Amino acid sequence: MVIESMMVGPIMANCYIVGCDATREAVVIDPGGDGDRIVDAVNRLQLKLSYILNTHGHFDHVGANKEVSEATGAPILIHEKDAPMLGQLTSTARMFGLHADNSPAADKMIADGDRVTFGDLSLEVIHTPGHTPGGVSFFGEGHLFVGDTLFAGSIGRTDLPGGNYDTLISSIQQKLFPLGDDVQVHPGHMGNTTIGQEKQFNPFCGLR
């Protein structure tokens, strides 16, 4: 499995390129900005982009959907509850004094339990609402891409429209923690962690 991460966009969100070693098919998770850099990285790694995967609909995670989709032809996938947000990125970013292009509409809706297959790899879709109603995580090969659901030592905001603290904690404890202590967690901001680390030390949702 190829995993390359980069910080993109005005809020420096984490974007991940995940590829199959054998077939060179790949997905990009959360292209939040700097679409040219993302496309350049895909080409440098000699990968062919199969899908654009959005963990949720906030502008700092989907702001380069349009640029990457137009450059590669890759379809955009998002949960149906966050799909309406894709057409509101410009107005949402303006509230923070920033700019983002509206995304094209999603090409396909994804739901809990779906699998996104590219080459010899597949990622399971896990619906993890709380930060947004349609937030999802992607899990495969011992790696978990969580967007803004879970951070190292913290959790995603729940004070934005559609957020709910109790729902977020339930998503983490009921859906993510059972995946196993050794699972590598790749968050939407800041550095990587593990499920075991967050169970033991996360002050918001750790199980002791």
N, C-alpha and C. Protein backbone atom coordinates (compact mmCIF):
# COMPACT_ATOMS: atom_id res chain seq x y z
N MET A 1 0.85 -1.20 0.00
CA MET A 1 0.00 0.00 0.00
C MET A 1 0.88 1.25 0.00
N VAL A 2 0.57 2.15 -0.91
CA VAL A 2 1.23 3.44 -0.96
C VAL A 2 0.40 4.44 -0.17
N ILE A 3 1.00 5.14 0.78
CA ILE A 3 0.32 6.21 1.51
C ILE A 3 1.21 7.44 1.50
N GLU A 4 0.70 8.50 0.91
CA GLU A 4 1.43 9.77 0.94
C GLU A 4 0.49 10.83 1.50
N SER A 5 0.98 11.61 2.45
CA SER A 5 0.17 12.66 3.04
C SER A 5 0.77 14.02 2.73
N MET A 6 -0.08 15.02 2.67
CA MET A 6 0.37 16.40 2.49
C MET A 6 -0.63 17.33 3.15
N MET A 7 -0.14 18.44 3.65
CA MET A 7 -1.03 19.45 4.21
C MET A 7 -1.40 20.43 3.11
N VAL A 8 -2.70 20.67 2.96
CA VAL A 8 -3.18 21.47 1.84
C VAL A 8 -4.20 22.50 2.31
N GLY A 9 -4.38 23.51 1.47
CA GLY A 9 -5.44 24.49 1.70
C GLY A 9 -5.10 25.52 2.75
N PRO A 10 -6.02 26.47 2.95
CA PRO A 10 -5.75 27.60 3.84
C PRO A 10 -5.67 27.22 5.32
N ILE A 11 -6.24 26.06 5.70
CA ILE A 11 -6.21 25.65 7.11
C ILE A 11 -5.25 24.47 7.29
N MET A 12 -4.51 24.14 6.25
CA MET A 12 -3.50 23.08 6.32
C MET A 12 -4.10 21.76 6.80
N ALA A 13 -5.13 21.33 6.11
CA ALA A 13 -5.73 20.04 6.41
C ALA A 13 -4.89 18.93 5.77
N ASN A 14 -4.98 17.74 6.34
CA ASN A 14 -4.25 16.60 5.81
C ASN A 14 -5.01 15.97 4.64
N CYS A 15 -4.32 15.82 3.54
CA CYS A 15 -4.83 15.11 2.37
C CYS A 15 -3.99 13.85 2.21
N TYR A 16 -4.64 12.74 1.85
CA TYR A 16 -3.94 11.47 1.73
C TYR A 16 -4.14 10.88 0.34
N ILE A 17 -3.04 10.42 -0.24
CA ILE A 17 -3.08 9.64 -1.47
C ILE A 17 -2.79 8.20 -1.08
N VAL A 18 -3.70 7.29 -1.42
CA VAL A 18 -3.56 5.87 -1.05
C VAL A 18 -3.60 5.06 -2.34
N GLY A 19 -2.56 4.28 -2.58
CA GLY A 19 -2.47 3.56 -3.83
C GLY A 19 -2.13 2.08 -3.67
N CYS A 20 -2.47 1.33 -4.70
CA CYS A 20 -2.17 -0.10 -4.77
C CYS A 20 -0.81 -0.29 -5.43
N ASP A 21 0.11 -0.96 -4.75
CA ASP A 21 1.45 -1.18 -5.29
C ASP A 21 1.41 -1.95 -6.61
N ALA A 22 0.53 -2.94 -6.69
CA ALA A 22 0.54 -3.84 -7.85
C ALA A 22 -0.03 -3.18 -9.10
N THR A 23 -1.18 -2.49 -8.97
CA THR A 23 -1.87 -1.97 -10.14
C THR A 23 -1.68 -0.48 -10.35
N ARG A 24 -1.18 0.22 -9.33
CA ARG A 24 -0.98 1.68 -9.34
C ARG A 24 -2.30 2.44 -9.38
N GLU A 25 -3.41 1.78 -9.11
CA GLU A 25 -4.67 2.49 -8.94
C GLU A 25 -4.69 3.12 -7.55
N ALA A 26 -5.37 4.27 -7.42
CA ALA A 26 -5.29 5.01 -6.17
C ALA A 26 -6.56 5.81 -5.91
N VAL A 27 -6.65 6.29 -4.67
CA VAL A 27 -7.69 7.24 -4.28
C VAL A 27 -7.01 8.42 -3.60
N VAL A 28 -7.66 9.56 -3.65
CA VAL A 28 -7.22 10.69 -2.84
C VAL A 28 -8.31 10.96 -1.81
N ILE A 29 -7.92 11.10 -0.57
CA ILE A 29 -8.85 11.34 0.53
C ILE A 29 -8.70 12.77 1.00
N ASP A 30 -9.79 13.53 0.93
CA ASP A 30 -9.88 14.91 1.41
C ASP A 30 -8.92 15.87 0.70
N PRO A 31 -9.16 16.12 -0.59
CA PRO A 31 -8.38 17.15 -1.28
C PRO A 31 -8.89 18.54 -0.90
N GLY A 32 -8.36 19.09 0.16
CA GLY A 32 -8.90 20.31 0.72
C GLY A 32 -8.45 21.59 0.05
N GLY A 33 -7.47 21.51 -0.82
CA GLY A 33 -6.94 22.68 -1.52
C GLY A 33 -5.68 22.29 -2.25
N ASP A 34 -5.08 23.26 -2.94
CA ASP A 34 -3.82 23.01 -3.65
C ASP A 34 -3.95 21.81 -4.59
N GLY A 35 -4.99 21.85 -5.40
CA GLY A 35 -5.23 20.72 -6.30
C GLY A 35 -4.08 20.42 -7.23
N ASP A 36 -3.34 21.45 -7.65
CA ASP A 36 -2.21 21.21 -8.53
C ASP A 36 -1.13 20.38 -7.85
N ARG A 37 -0.90 20.63 -6.56
CA ARG A 37 0.08 19.84 -5.82
C ARG A 37 -0.36 18.40 -5.67
N ILE A 38 -1.65 18.20 -5.46
CA ILE A 38 -2.18 16.84 -5.31
C ILE A 38 -2.01 16.07 -6.61
N VAL A 39 -2.39 16.69 -7.72
CA VAL A 39 -2.27 16.04 -9.02
C VAL A 39 -0.81 15.76 -9.35
N ASP A 40 0.05 16.70 -9.03
CA ASP A 40 1.49 16.49 -9.26
C ASP A 40 2.00 15.29 -8.46
N ALA A 41 1.53 15.15 -7.22
CA ALA A 41 1.97 14.03 -6.38
C ALA A 41 1.47 12.70 -6.94
N VAL A 42 0.23 12.68 -7.40
CA VAL A 42 -0.30 11.45 -8.02
C VAL A 42 0.54 11.06 -9.22
N ASN A 43 0.89 12.03 -10.05
CA ASN A 43 1.70 11.75 -11.23
C ASN A 43 3.12 11.33 -10.85
N ARG A 44 3.68 11.99 -9.84
CA ARG A 44 5.04 11.64 -9.40
C ARG A 44 5.11 10.20 -8.91
N LEU A 45 4.06 9.77 -8.24
CA LEU A 45 4.00 8.41 -7.71
C LEU A 45 3.60 7.39 -8.76
N GLN A 46 3.34 7.88 -9.97
CA GLN A 46 2.94 7.02 -11.10
C GLN A 46 1.67 6.24 -10.77
N LEU A 47 0.70 6.98 -10.25
CA LEU A 47 -0.59 6.39 -9.88
C LEU A 47 -1.68 6.90 -10.81
N LYS A 48 -2.74 6.11 -10.92
CA LYS A 48 -3.94 6.51 -11.66
C LYS A 48 -5.07 6.65 -10.67
N LEU A 49 -5.65 7.83 -10.60
CA LEU A 49 -6.66 8.10 -9.58
C LEU A 49 -8.01 7.49 -9.98
N SER A 50 -8.52 6.63 -9.09
CA SER A 50 -9.81 5.97 -9.33
C SER A 50 -10.97 6.72 -8.70
N TYR A 51 -10.74 7.31 -7.52
CA TYR A 51 -11.80 7.99 -6.79
C TYR A 51 -11.25 9.16 -5.99
N ILE A 52 -12.11 10.13 -5.76
CA ILE A 52 -11.89 11.20 -4.79
C ILE A 52 -12.83 10.92 -3.63
N LEU A 53 -12.28 10.69 -2.45
CA LEU A 53 -13.08 10.33 -1.28
C LEU A 53 -13.13 11.49 -0.30
N ASN A 54 -14.32 11.89 0.09
CA ASN A 54 -14.51 12.97 1.05
C ASN A 54 -14.98 12.38 2.37
N THR A 55 -14.20 12.63 3.46
CA THR A 55 -14.64 12.16 4.77
C THR A 55 -15.83 12.97 5.28
N HIS A 56 -15.92 14.25 4.85
CA HIS A 56 -17.05 15.10 5.19
C HIS A 56 -17.03 16.31 4.29
N GLY A 57 -18.02 17.19 4.44
CA GLY A 57 -18.22 18.23 3.45
C GLY A 57 -17.66 19.60 3.77
N HIS A 58 -16.83 19.76 4.78
CA HIS A 58 -16.28 21.07 5.10
C HIS A 58 -15.28 21.51 4.04
N PHE A 59 -15.27 22.83 3.77
CA PHE A 59 -14.49 23.36 2.65
C PHE A 59 -13.01 23.04 2.75
N ASP A 60 -12.47 22.94 3.97
CA ASP A 60 -11.03 22.68 4.09
C ASP A 60 -10.65 21.24 3.79
N HIS A 61 -11.65 20.40 3.52
CA HIS A 61 -11.38 19.01 3.16
C HIS A 61 -11.82 18.66 1.75
N VAL A 62 -12.61 19.52 1.13
CA VAL A 62 -13.13 19.21 -0.21
C VAL A 62 -12.88 20.35 -1.20
N GLY A 63 -12.10 21.37 -0.78
CA GLY A 63 -11.95 22.57 -1.58
C GLY A 63 -11.30 22.37 -2.94
N ALA A 64 -10.56 21.27 -3.12
CA ALA A 64 -9.93 20.99 -4.41
C ALA A 64 -10.62 19.85 -5.16
N ASN A 65 -11.82 19.48 -4.73
CA ASN A 65 -12.57 18.45 -5.46
C ASN A 65 -12.65 18.77 -6.95
N LYS A 66 -13.02 20.02 -7.26
CA LYS A 66 -13.23 20.41 -8.66
C LYS A 66 -11.94 20.30 -9.45
N GLU A 67 -10.86 20.85 -8.91
CA GLU A 67 -9.59 20.87 -9.64
C GLU A 67 -9.06 19.47 -9.87
N VAL A 68 -9.11 18.63 -8.84
CA VAL A 68 -8.58 17.27 -8.97
C VAL A 68 -9.46 16.42 -9.89
N SER A 69 -10.76 16.59 -9.77
CA SER A 69 -11.69 15.84 -10.62
C SER A 69 -11.52 16.21 -12.09
N GLU A 70 -11.39 17.51 -12.36
CA GLU A 70 -11.23 17.95 -13.75
C GLU A 70 -9.91 17.48 -14.34
N ALA A 71 -8.86 17.42 -13.52
CA ALA A 71 -7.54 17.02 -14.01
C ALA A 71 -7.41 15.53 -14.24
N THR A 72 -8.16 14.74 -13.46
CA THR A 72 -7.96 13.28 -13.49
C THR A 72 -9.17 12.50 -13.99
N GLY A 73 -10.34 13.12 -13.98
CA GLY A 73 -11.56 12.40 -14.33
C GLY A 73 -12.09 11.50 -13.22
N ALA A 74 -11.47 11.56 -12.05
CA ALA A 74 -11.90 10.68 -10.95
C ALA A 74 -13.24 11.15 -10.38
N PRO A 75 -14.15 10.22 -10.13
CA PRO A 75 -15.44 10.59 -9.54
C PRO A 75 -15.32 10.94 -8.06
N ILE A 76 -16.24 11.77 -7.61
CA ILE A 76 -16.27 12.26 -6.22
C ILE A 76 -17.28 11.44 -5.43
N LEU A 77 -16.87 10.93 -4.26
CA LEU A 77 -17.73 10.12 -3.40
C LEU A 77 -17.86 10.80 -2.04
N ILE A 78 -19.09 10.86 -1.54
CA ILE A 78 -19.35 11.46 -0.23
C ILE A 78 -20.63 10.84 0.33
N HIS A 79 -20.82 10.91 1.64
CA HIS A 79 -22.07 10.44 2.25
C HIS A 79 -23.20 11.39 1.89
N GLU A 80 -24.39 10.84 1.70
CA GLU A 80 -25.51 11.65 1.24
C GLU A 80 -25.87 12.79 2.20
N LYS A 81 -25.62 12.63 3.49
CA LYS A 81 -26.00 13.67 4.44
C LYS A 81 -25.08 14.89 4.36
N ASP A 82 -23.90 14.73 3.79
CA ASP A 82 -22.99 15.86 3.61
C ASP A 82 -22.95 16.35 2.17
N ALA A 83 -23.60 15.63 1.27
CA ALA A 83 -23.55 15.99 -0.15
C ALA A 83 -24.01 17.42 -0.44
N PRO A 84 -25.07 17.94 0.23
CA PRO A 84 -25.49 19.31 -0.07
C PRO A 84 -24.42 20.36 0.25
N MET A 85 -23.48 20.04 1.11
CA MET A 85 -22.45 21.00 1.50
C MET A 85 -21.50 21.32 0.35
N LEU A 86 -21.41 20.43 -0.62
CA LEU A 86 -20.45 20.61 -1.71
C LEU A 86 -20.75 21.85 -2.54
N GLY A 87 -22.01 22.24 -2.62
CA GLY A 87 -22.39 23.41 -3.39
C GLY A 87 -22.41 24.70 -2.59
N GLN A 88 -21.94 24.63 -1.33
CA GLN A 88 -21.98 25.79 -0.44
C GLN A 88 -20.58 26.19 0.04
N LEU A 89 -19.54 25.70 -0.61
CA LEU A 89 -18.18 25.91 -0.11
C LEU A 89 -17.77 27.37 -0.16
N THR A 90 -18.13 28.06 -1.22
CA THR A 90 -17.72 29.46 -1.35
C THR A 90 -18.30 30.31 -0.24
N SER A 91 -19.59 30.13 0.04
CA SER A 91 -20.23 30.94 1.08
C SER A 91 -19.74 30.54 2.46
N THR A 92 -19.49 29.27 2.67
CA THR A 92 -19.00 28.81 3.98
C THR A 92 -17.58 29.33 4.24
N ALA A 93 -16.72 29.23 3.25
CA ALA A 93 -15.35 29.71 3.43
C ALA A 93 -15.32 31.22 3.67
N ARG A 94 -16.23 31.94 3.02
CA ARG A 94 -16.28 33.39 3.18
C ARG A 94 -16.55 33.78 4.63
N MET A 95 -17.29 32.96 5.36
CA MET A 95 -17.57 33.22 6.76
C MET A 95 -16.30 33.23 7.60
N PHE A 96 -15.27 32.55 7.12
CA PHE A 96 -13.98 32.49 7.83
C PHE A 96 -12.95 33.43 7.19
N GLY A 97 -13.41 34.27 6.27
CA GLY A 97 -12.51 35.18 5.59
C GLY A 97 -11.62 34.50 4.57
N LEU A 98 -12.05 33.35 4.05
CA LEU A 98 -11.24 32.57 3.12
C LEU A 98 -12.02 32.33 1.83
N HIS A 99 -11.35 31.74 0.86
CA HIS A 99 -12.01 31.43 -0.42
C HIS A 99 -11.91 29.94 -0.72
N ALA A 100 -12.99 29.41 -1.25
CA ALA A 100 -12.98 28.04 -1.76
C ALA A 100 -13.96 27.97 -2.93
N ASP A 101 -13.59 27.21 -3.95
CA ASP A 101 -14.50 26.99 -5.07
C ASP A 101 -15.54 25.94 -4.69
N ASN A 102 -16.77 26.16 -5.10
CA ASN A 102 -17.78 25.13 -4.91
C ASN A 102 -17.36 23.86 -5.63
N SER A 103 -17.68 22.74 -5.03
CA SER A 103 -17.36 21.45 -5.63
C SER A 103 -18.46 21.05 -6.61
N PRO A 104 -18.11 20.30 -7.64
CA PRO A 104 -19.16 19.64 -8.41
C PRO A 104 -19.98 18.73 -7.50
N ALA A 105 -21.16 18.40 -7.93
CA ALA A 105 -21.96 17.44 -7.18
C ALA A 105 -21.26 16.09 -7.14
N ALA A 106 -21.53 15.35 -6.08
CA ALA A 106 -20.93 14.02 -5.96
C ALA A 106 -21.39 13.13 -7.10
N ASP A 107 -20.49 12.26 -7.56
CA ASP A 107 -20.84 11.29 -8.58
C ASP A 107 -21.51 10.05 -7.99
N LYS A 108 -21.22 9.79 -6.71
CA LYS A 108 -21.80 8.62 -6.05
C LYS A 108 -21.87 8.88 -4.56
N MET A 109 -22.97 8.43 -3.95
CA MET A 109 -23.11 8.50 -2.50
C MET A 109 -22.58 7.20 -1.88
N ILE A 110 -21.91 7.35 -0.75
CA ILE A 110 -21.42 6.18 -0.03
C ILE A 110 -22.13 6.08 1.32
N ALA A 111 -22.22 4.87 1.83
CA ALA A 111 -22.95 4.62 3.07
C ALA A 111 -22.18 3.64 3.93
N ASP A 112 -22.55 3.57 5.19
CA ASP A 112 -21.91 2.67 6.15
C ASP A 112 -21.88 1.25 5.61
N GLY A 113 -20.71 0.63 5.64
CA GLY A 113 -20.57 -0.75 5.19
C GLY A 113 -20.17 -0.91 3.74
N ASP A 114 -20.22 0.17 2.96
CA ASP A 114 -19.77 0.10 1.58
C ASP A 114 -18.26 -0.16 1.53
N ARG A 115 -17.80 -0.66 0.39
CA ARG A 115 -16.36 -0.82 0.18
C ARG A 115 -15.97 -0.10 -1.12
N VAL A 116 -14.91 0.67 -1.02
CA VAL A 116 -14.35 1.36 -2.18
C VAL A 116 -13.13 0.57 -2.63
N THR A 117 -13.20 -0.02 -3.82
CA THR A 117 -12.15 -0.90 -4.30
C THR A 117 -11.33 -0.21 -5.39
N PHE A 118 -10.01 -0.30 -5.27
CA PHE A 118 -9.11 0.23 -6.29
C PHE A 118 -7.90 -0.70 -6.36
N GLY A 119 -7.72 -1.29 -7.52
CA GLY A 119 -6.69 -2.31 -7.65
C GLY A 119 -6.96 -3.48 -6.73
N ASP A 120 -5.95 -3.92 -6.01
CA ASP A 120 -6.09 -5.04 -5.08
C ASP A 120 -6.50 -4.60 -3.68
N LEU A 121 -6.77 -3.33 -3.50
CA LEU A 121 -7.10 -2.78 -2.19
C LEU A 121 -8.57 -2.40 -2.12
N SER A 122 -9.08 -2.35 -0.89
CA SER A 122 -10.41 -1.79 -0.67
C SER A 122 -10.44 -1.12 0.69
N LEU A 123 -11.22 -0.07 0.78
CA LEU A 123 -11.43 0.64 2.03
C LEU A 123 -12.90 0.52 2.42
N GLU A 124 -13.12 0.13 3.65
CA GLU A 124 -14.49 0.06 4.18
C GLU A 124 -14.95 1.44 4.61
N VAL A 125 -16.18 1.78 4.26
CA VAL A 125 -16.78 3.04 4.68
C VAL A 125 -17.45 2.84 6.04
N ILE A 126 -17.06 3.65 7.01
CA ILE A 126 -17.66 3.59 8.34
C ILE A 126 -18.30 4.95 8.61
N HIS A 127 -19.60 4.97 8.77
CA HIS A 127 -20.31 6.23 9.04
C HIS A 127 -19.99 6.65 10.48
N THR A 128 -19.36 7.81 10.62
CA THR A 128 -18.95 8.31 11.94
C THR A 128 -19.45 9.75 12.11
N PRO A 129 -20.74 9.92 12.27
CA PRO A 129 -21.29 11.28 12.43
C PRO A 129 -20.91 11.89 13.77
N GLY A 130 -21.11 13.19 13.85
CA GLY A 130 -20.83 13.92 15.09
C GLY A 130 -20.15 15.24 14.79
N HIS A 131 -19.09 15.19 13.99
CA HIS A 131 -18.48 16.43 13.49
C HIS A 131 -19.39 17.03 12.43
N THR A 132 -19.87 16.20 11.53
CA THR A 132 -20.94 16.53 10.59
C THR A 132 -21.89 15.34 10.52
N PRO A 133 -23.11 15.54 10.03
CA PRO A 133 -24.06 14.42 9.97
C PRO A 133 -23.61 13.29 9.06
N GLY A 134 -22.88 13.62 7.99
CA GLY A 134 -22.47 12.61 7.03
C GLY A 134 -21.01 12.26 7.09
N GLY A 135 -20.37 12.54 8.20
CA GLY A 135 -18.95 12.21 8.33
C GLY A 135 -18.71 10.72 8.24
N VAL A 136 -17.66 10.33 7.52
CA VAL A 136 -17.30 8.92 7.41
C VAL A 136 -15.80 8.76 7.66
N SER A 137 -15.41 7.54 7.99
CA SER A 137 -14.01 7.14 8.06
C SER A 137 -13.80 6.02 7.06
N PHE A 138 -12.56 5.86 6.60
CA PHE A 138 -12.22 4.83 5.63
C PHE A 138 -11.17 3.91 6.26
N PHE A 139 -11.43 2.59 6.22
CA PHE A 139 -10.60 1.62 6.93
C PHE A 139 -10.16 0.49 6.02
N GLY A 140 -8.86 0.22 6.02
CA GLY A 140 -8.36 -0.93 5.29
C GLY A 140 -6.89 -1.17 5.55
N GLU A 141 -6.48 -2.43 5.55
CA GLU A 141 -5.08 -2.81 5.70
C GLU A 141 -4.45 -2.23 6.97
N GLY A 142 -5.26 -2.13 8.04
CA GLY A 142 -4.75 -1.63 9.30
C GLY A 142 -4.61 -0.12 9.38
N HIS A 143 -5.13 0.58 8.40
CA HIS A 143 -5.06 2.04 8.36
C HIS A 143 -6.46 2.63 8.36
N LEU A 144 -6.63 3.69 9.14
CA LEU A 144 -7.94 4.32 9.33
C LEU A 144 -7.82 5.81 9.06
N PHE A 145 -8.58 6.29 8.09
CA PHE A 145 -8.58 7.69 7.70
C PHE A 145 -9.87 8.32 8.23
N VAL A 146 -9.73 9.20 9.22
CA VAL A 146 -10.88 9.59 10.04
C VAL A 146 -11.38 11.02 9.80
N GLY A 147 -10.76 11.77 8.89
CA GLY A 147 -11.20 13.15 8.73
C GLY A 147 -11.08 13.91 10.04
N ASP A 148 -12.16 14.61 10.43
CA ASP A 148 -12.15 15.38 11.67
C ASP A 148 -12.93 14.70 12.79
N THR A 149 -13.07 13.39 12.71
CA THR A 149 -13.74 12.66 13.78
C THR A 149 -12.86 12.54 15.01
N LEU A 150 -11.61 12.17 14.81
CA LEU A 150 -10.69 11.88 15.92
C LEU A 150 -9.32 12.45 15.61
N PHE A 151 -8.70 13.08 16.61
CA PHE A 151 -7.34 13.59 16.49
C PHE A 151 -6.47 12.94 17.56
N ALA A 152 -5.17 13.12 17.44
CA ALA A 152 -4.27 12.67 18.47
C ALA A 152 -4.49 13.52 19.72
N GLY A 153 -5.09 12.91 20.73
CA GLY A 153 -5.36 13.61 21.98
C GLY A 153 -6.53 14.54 21.96
N SER A 154 -7.34 14.50 20.91
CA SER A 154 -8.47 15.42 20.82
C SER A 154 -9.54 14.83 19.91
N ILE A 155 -10.56 15.64 19.62
CA ILE A 155 -11.66 15.24 18.74
C ILE A 155 -12.03 16.42 17.86
N GLY A 156 -12.85 16.16 16.85
CA GLY A 156 -13.31 17.22 15.97
C GLY A 156 -14.30 18.14 16.67
N ARG A 157 -14.43 19.35 16.13
CA ARG A 157 -15.37 20.32 16.67
C ARG A 157 -16.80 19.82 16.52
N THR A 158 -17.62 20.17 17.49
CA THR A 158 -19.05 19.82 17.40
C THR A 158 -19.93 21.06 17.54
N ASP A 159 -19.31 22.26 17.47
CA ASP A 159 -20.07 23.50 17.63
C ASP A 159 -20.43 24.12 16.28
N LEU A 160 -20.09 23.46 15.18
CA LEU A 160 -20.49 23.93 13.86
C LEU A 160 -21.83 23.32 13.48
N PRO A 161 -22.54 23.89 12.49
CA PRO A 161 -23.85 23.36 12.10
C PRO A 161 -23.80 21.87 11.80
N GLY A 162 -24.72 21.13 12.40
CA GLY A 162 -24.78 19.69 12.19
C GLY A 162 -23.93 18.88 13.15
N GLY A 163 -23.13 19.55 13.98
CA GLY A 163 -22.28 18.83 14.92
C GLY A 163 -23.04 18.43 16.17
N ASN A 164 -22.60 17.34 16.79
CA ASN A 164 -23.23 16.86 18.02
C ASN A 164 -22.19 16.08 18.83
N TYR A 165 -21.89 16.58 20.02
CA TYR A 165 -20.82 16.00 20.84
C TYR A 165 -21.10 14.55 21.20
N ASP A 166 -22.29 14.26 21.72
CA ASP A 166 -22.60 12.90 22.14
C ASP A 166 -22.53 11.93 20.97
N THR A 167 -23.00 12.37 19.81
CA THR A 167 -22.95 11.53 18.61
C THR A 167 -21.52 11.24 18.21
N LEU A 168 -20.66 12.25 18.29
CA LEU A 168 -19.26 12.07 17.93
C LEU A 168 -18.57 11.07 18.86
N ILE A 169 -18.77 11.23 20.16
CA ILE A 169 -18.15 10.30 21.12
C ILE A 169 -18.65 8.88 20.88
N SER A 170 -19.93 8.74 20.59
CA SER A 170 -20.47 7.41 20.30
C SER A 170 -19.85 6.81 19.05
N SER A 171 -19.66 7.64 18.02
CA SER A 171 -19.02 7.15 16.80
C SER A 171 -17.62 6.62 17.09
N ILE A 172 -16.87 7.35 17.88
CA ILE A 172 -15.50 6.95 18.19
C ILE A 172 -15.48 5.67 19.03
N GLN A 173 -16.28 5.64 20.09
CA GLN A 173 -16.23 4.51 21.02
C GLN A 173 -16.87 3.25 20.44
N GLN A 174 -17.95 3.42 19.68
CA GLN A 174 -18.70 2.26 19.21
C GLN A 174 -18.22 1.75 17.86
N LYS A 175 -17.67 2.63 17.03
CA LYS A 175 -17.32 2.21 15.67
C LYS A 175 -15.82 2.17 15.40
N LEU A 176 -15.05 3.05 16.03
CA LEU A 176 -13.62 3.10 15.75
C LEU A 176 -12.78 2.32 16.74
N PHE A 177 -13.06 2.47 18.02
CA PHE A 177 -12.25 1.78 19.02
C PHE A 177 -12.27 0.26 18.87
N PRO A 178 -13.37 -0.37 18.46
CA PRO A 178 -13.36 -1.83 18.32
C PRO A 178 -12.49 -2.34 17.17
N LEU A 179 -11.97 -1.46 16.32
CA LEU A 179 -11.17 -1.91 15.18
C LEU A 179 -9.83 -2.49 15.60
N GLY A 180 -9.35 -2.14 16.80
CA GLY A 180 -8.12 -2.74 17.29
C GLY A 180 -7.07 -1.73 17.67
N ASP A 181 -6.35 -2.00 18.74
CA ASP A 181 -5.39 -1.04 19.29
C ASP A 181 -4.26 -0.70 18.32
N ASP A 182 -3.90 -1.63 17.46
CA ASP A 182 -2.75 -1.41 16.58
C ASP A 182 -3.10 -0.64 15.31
N VAL A 183 -4.37 -0.33 15.11
CA VAL A 183 -4.77 0.37 13.90
C VAL A 183 -4.14 1.76 13.86
N GLN A 184 -3.53 2.09 12.72
CA GLN A 184 -2.91 3.39 12.50
C GLN A 184 -4.00 4.39 12.10
N VAL A 185 -4.08 5.49 12.84
CA VAL A 185 -5.10 6.50 12.61
C VAL A 185 -4.49 7.70 11.90
N HIS A 186 -5.09 8.08 10.78
CA HIS A 186 -4.63 9.21 9.97
C HIS A 186 -5.70 10.30 10.03
N PRO A 187 -5.51 11.31 10.87
CA PRO A 187 -6.54 12.34 11.06
C PRO A 187 -6.52 13.42 9.98
N GLY A 188 -7.55 14.25 10.01
CA GLY A 188 -7.65 15.35 9.07
C GLY A 188 -6.78 16.54 9.40
N HIS A 189 -6.26 16.59 10.62
CA HIS A 189 -5.34 17.65 11.04
C HIS A 189 -4.34 17.06 12.01
N MET A 190 -3.16 17.64 12.05
CA MET A 190 -2.11 17.23 12.98
C MET A 190 -1.59 15.84 12.65
N GLY A 191 -0.86 15.23 13.60
CA GLY A 191 -0.14 14.01 13.30
C GLY A 191 -0.94 12.73 13.50
N ASN A 192 -0.33 11.62 13.09
CA ASN A 192 -0.96 10.30 13.20
C ASN A 192 -0.96 9.81 14.64
N THR A 193 -1.79 8.81 14.89
CA THR A 193 -1.87 8.19 16.20
C THR A 193 -2.32 6.75 16.00
N THR A 194 -2.67 6.07 17.08
CA THR A 194 -3.22 4.73 16.99
C THR A 194 -4.49 4.65 17.83
N ILE A 195 -5.29 3.66 17.54
CA ILE A 195 -6.50 3.44 18.34
C ILE A 195 -6.12 3.20 19.80
N GLY A 196 -5.10 2.38 20.03
CA GLY A 196 -4.69 2.09 21.41
C GLY A 196 -4.26 3.33 22.16
N GLN A 197 -3.53 4.21 21.48
CA GLN A 197 -3.08 5.45 22.10
C GLN A 197 -4.27 6.30 22.53
N GLU A 198 -5.27 6.40 21.66
CA GLU A 198 -6.42 7.24 21.98
C GLU A 198 -7.31 6.60 23.05
N LYS A 199 -7.42 5.31 23.05
CA LYS A 199 -8.17 4.64 24.12
C LYS A 199 -7.58 4.97 25.49
N GLN A 200 -6.25 4.98 25.55
CA GLN A 200 -5.58 5.14 26.84
C GLN A 200 -5.45 6.59 27.26
N PHE A 201 -5.21 7.49 26.32
CA PHE A 201 -4.81 8.84 26.71
C PHE A 201 -5.73 9.97 26.24
N ASN A 202 -6.63 9.72 25.31
CA ASN A 202 -7.46 10.81 24.82
C ASN A 202 -8.41 11.27 25.93
N PRO A 203 -8.32 12.55 26.37
CA PRO A 203 -9.13 13.00 27.51
C PRO A 203 -10.60 13.13 27.20
N PHE A 204 -10.97 13.14 25.93
CA PHE A 204 -12.38 13.28 25.56
C PHE A 204 -13.09 11.94 25.48
N CYS A 205 -12.40 10.94 24.99
CA CYS A 205 -13.13 9.69 24.68
C CYS A 205 -12.33 8.44 25.03
N GLY A 206 -11.25 8.55 25.77
CA GLY A 206 -10.46 7.39 26.12
C GLY A 206 -11.23 6.43 27.02
N LEU A 207 -10.95 5.15 26.84
CA LEU A 207 -11.53 4.12 27.71
C LEU A 207 -10.44 3.65 28.65
N ARG A 208 -10.67 3.78 29.92
CA ARG A 208 -9.65 3.41 30.90
C ARG A 208 -10.13 2.24 31.76
